[in-house]
Amino acid sequence: MEARMGDSLGDVRVHTGPKAAAACEAINARAFTVGNHVAFGPGEYDPEDEDGQHVIAHELAHVRQQPGGANGVRAAG
């Protein structure tokens, strides 16, 4: 994914557990970003699946769009 994004993603933190799932459900989103953190709803983080890759890439783009790691929330609905 780093090659596709043209950037190192070592600072990105992925959250897929029950708390991430509950947060996604609370805002009715498949996934969302806050700064360099990406939370995924149940079954959404699936790098082996084409749709899963799309969701991951979409959220990583949001991480990189946030200047200076801003704390804004971006959601994929």
C-alpha atoms as a PDB file:
ATOM      1  CA  MET A   1       0.000   0.000   0.000  1.00  0.00           C
ATOM      2  CA  GLU A   2       2.940   2.352   0.667  1.00  0.00           C
ATOM      3  CA  ALA A   3       4.055   2.092  -2.960  1.00  0.00           C
ATOM      4  CA  ARG A   4       0.540   2.945  -4.161  1.00  0.00           C
ATOM      5  CA  MET A   5       0.315   5.905  -1.774  1.00  0.00           C
ATOM      6  CA  GLY A   6       3.845   7.093  -2.540  1.00  0.00           C
ATOM      7  CA  ASP A   7       4.500   7.615   1.168  1.00  0.00           C
ATOM      8  CA  SER A   8       5.641   5.768   4.272  1.00  0.00           C
ATOM      9  CA  LEU A   9       2.729   4.612   6.393  1.00  0.00           C
ATOM     10  CA  GLY A  10       4.752   3.618   9.453  1.00  0.00           C
ATOM     11  CA  ASP A  11       3.091   6.292  11.561  1.00  0.00           C
ATOM     12  CA  VAL A  12      -0.454   5.100  10.798  1.00  0.00           C
ATOM     13  CA  ARG A  13      -2.191   3.163  13.575  1.00  0.00           C
ATOM     14  CA  VAL A  14      -4.917   0.697  12.605  1.00  0.00           C
ATOM     15  CA  HIS A  15      -7.677  -0.222  15.045  1.00  0.00           C
ATOM     16  CA  THR A  16      -9.908  -3.232  14.341  1.00  0.00           C
ATOM     17  CA  GLY A  17     -11.068  -4.418  17.746  1.00  0.00           C
ATOM     18  CA  PRO A  18     -14.388  -4.121  19.563  1.00  0.00           C
ATOM     19  CA  LYS A  19     -13.835  -0.481  20.557  1.00  0.00           C
ATOM     20  CA  ALA A  20     -13.137   0.505  16.941  1.00  0.00           C
ATOM     21  CA  ALA A  21     -16.208  -1.424  15.807  1.00  0.00           C
ATOM     22  CA  ALA A  22     -18.399   0.279  18.414  1.00  0.00           C
ATOM     23  CA  ALA A  23     -17.066   3.715  17.443  1.00  0.00           C
ATOM     24  CA  CYS A  24     -17.796   3.062  13.757  1.00  0.00           C
ATOM     25  CA  GLU A  25     -21.277   1.835  14.557  1.00  0.00           C
ATOM     26  CA  ALA A  26     -21.900   4.909  16.740  1.00  0.00           C
ATOM     27  CA  ILE A  27     -21.282   7.228  13.786  1.00  0.00           C
ATOM     28  CA  ASN A  28     -22.721   4.855  11.166  1.00  0.00           C
ATOM     29  CA  ALA A  29     -19.428   4.552   9.269  1.00  0.00           C
ATOM     30  CA  ARG A  30     -17.537   1.653   7.753  1.00  0.00           C
ATOM     31  CA  ALA A  31     -14.299   3.241   8.962  1.00  0.00           C
ATOM     32  CA  PHE A  32     -12.986   6.627  10.066  1.00  0.00           C
ATOM     33  CA  THR A  33      -9.770   8.499  10.755  1.00  0.00           C
ATOM     34  CA  VAL A  34      -8.637  10.740  13.580  1.00  0.00           C
ATOM     35  CA  GLY A  35      -5.163  12.122  12.987  1.00  0.00           C
ATOM     36  CA  ASN A  36      -3.001   9.144  12.045  1.00  0.00           C
ATOM     37  CA  HIS A  37      -5.393   6.592  13.585  1.00  0.00           C
ATOM     38  CA  VAL A  38      -7.788   4.570  11.432  1.00  0.00           C
ATOM     39  CA  ALA A  39     -10.689   2.692  13.026  1.00  0.00           C
ATOM     40  CA  PHE A  40     -12.468  -0.021  11.054  1.00  0.00           C
ATOM     41  CA  GLY A  41     -15.931  -1.434  11.578  1.00  0.00           C
ATOM     42  CA  PRO A  42     -16.570  -5.179  11.815  1.00  0.00           C
ATOM     43  CA  GLY A  43     -15.166  -6.992   8.776  1.00  0.00           C
ATOM     44  CA  GLU A  44     -14.079  -3.790   7.013  1.00  0.00           C
ATOM     45  CA  TYR A  45     -10.311  -4.246   7.408  1.00  0.00           C
ATOM     46  CA  ASP A  46      -9.630  -6.943   4.829  1.00  0.00           C
ATOM     47  CA  PRO A  47      -6.472  -6.356   2.788  1.00  0.00           C
ATOM     48  CA  GLU A  48      -7.074  -9.610   0.877  1.00  0.00           C
ATOM     49  CA  ASP A  49     -10.424  -8.434  -0.526  1.00  0.00           C
ATOM     50  CA  GLU A  50     -10.793  -5.858  -3.326  1.00  0.00           C
ATOM     51  CA  ASP A  51     -13.489  -3.909  -1.463  1.00  0.00           C
ATOM     52  CA  GLY A  52     -11.426  -4.102   1.733  1.00  0.00           C
ATOM     53  CA  GLN A  53      -8.413  -2.689  -0.127  1.00  0.00           C
ATOM     54  CA  HIS A  54     -10.581   0.170  -1.370  1.00  0.00           C
ATOM     55  CA  VAL A  55     -11.746   1.028   2.163  1.00  0.00           C
ATOM     56  CA  ILE A  56      -8.169   0.895   3.468  1.00  0.00           C
ATOM     57  CA  ALA A  57      -6.847   3.104   0.647  1.00  0.00           C
ATOM     58  CA  HIS A  58      -9.722   5.557   1.129  1.00  0.00           C
ATOM     59  CA  GLU A  59      -8.969   5.931   4.836  1.00  0.00           C
ATOM     60  CA  LEU A  60      -5.211   6.206   4.275  1.00  0.00           C
ATOM     61  CA  ALA A  61      -5.866   9.028   1.824  1.00  0.00           C
ATOM     62  CA  HIS A  62      -7.796  10.828   4.577  1.00  0.00           C
ATOM     63  CA  VAL A  63      -4.854  10.372   6.969  1.00  0.00           C
ATOM     64  CA  ARG A  64      -2.516  11.989   4.453  1.00  0.00           C
ATOM     65  CA  GLN A  65      -4.973  14.801   3.654  1.00  0.00           C
ATOM     66  CA  GLN A  66      -4.975  15.985   7.259  1.00  0.00           C
ATOM     67  CA  PRO A  67      -2.254  18.640   7.497  1.00  0.00           C
ATOM     68  CA  GLY A  68       0.140  18.023  10.354  1.00  0.00           C
ATOM     69  CA  GLY A  69      -1.861  15.076  11.670  1.00  0.00           C
ATOM     70  CA  ALA A  70      -4.863  17.223  12.510  1.00  0.00           C
ATOM     71  CA  ASN A  71      -7.414  15.783  14.885  1.00  0.00           C
ATOM     72  CA  GLY A  72     -10.348  16.061  12.494  1.00  0.00           C
ATOM     73  CA  VAL A  73     -12.606  13.056  12.046  1.00  0.00           C
ATOM     74  CA  ARG A  74     -13.155  11.702   8.534  1.00  0.00           C
ATOM     75  CA  ALA A  75     -15.592   8.868   7.961  1.00  0.00           C
ATOM     76  CA  ALA A  76     -16.258   6.451   5.132  1.00  0.00           C
ATOM     77  CA  GLY A  77     -19.957   5.840   5.179  1.00  0.00           C
END
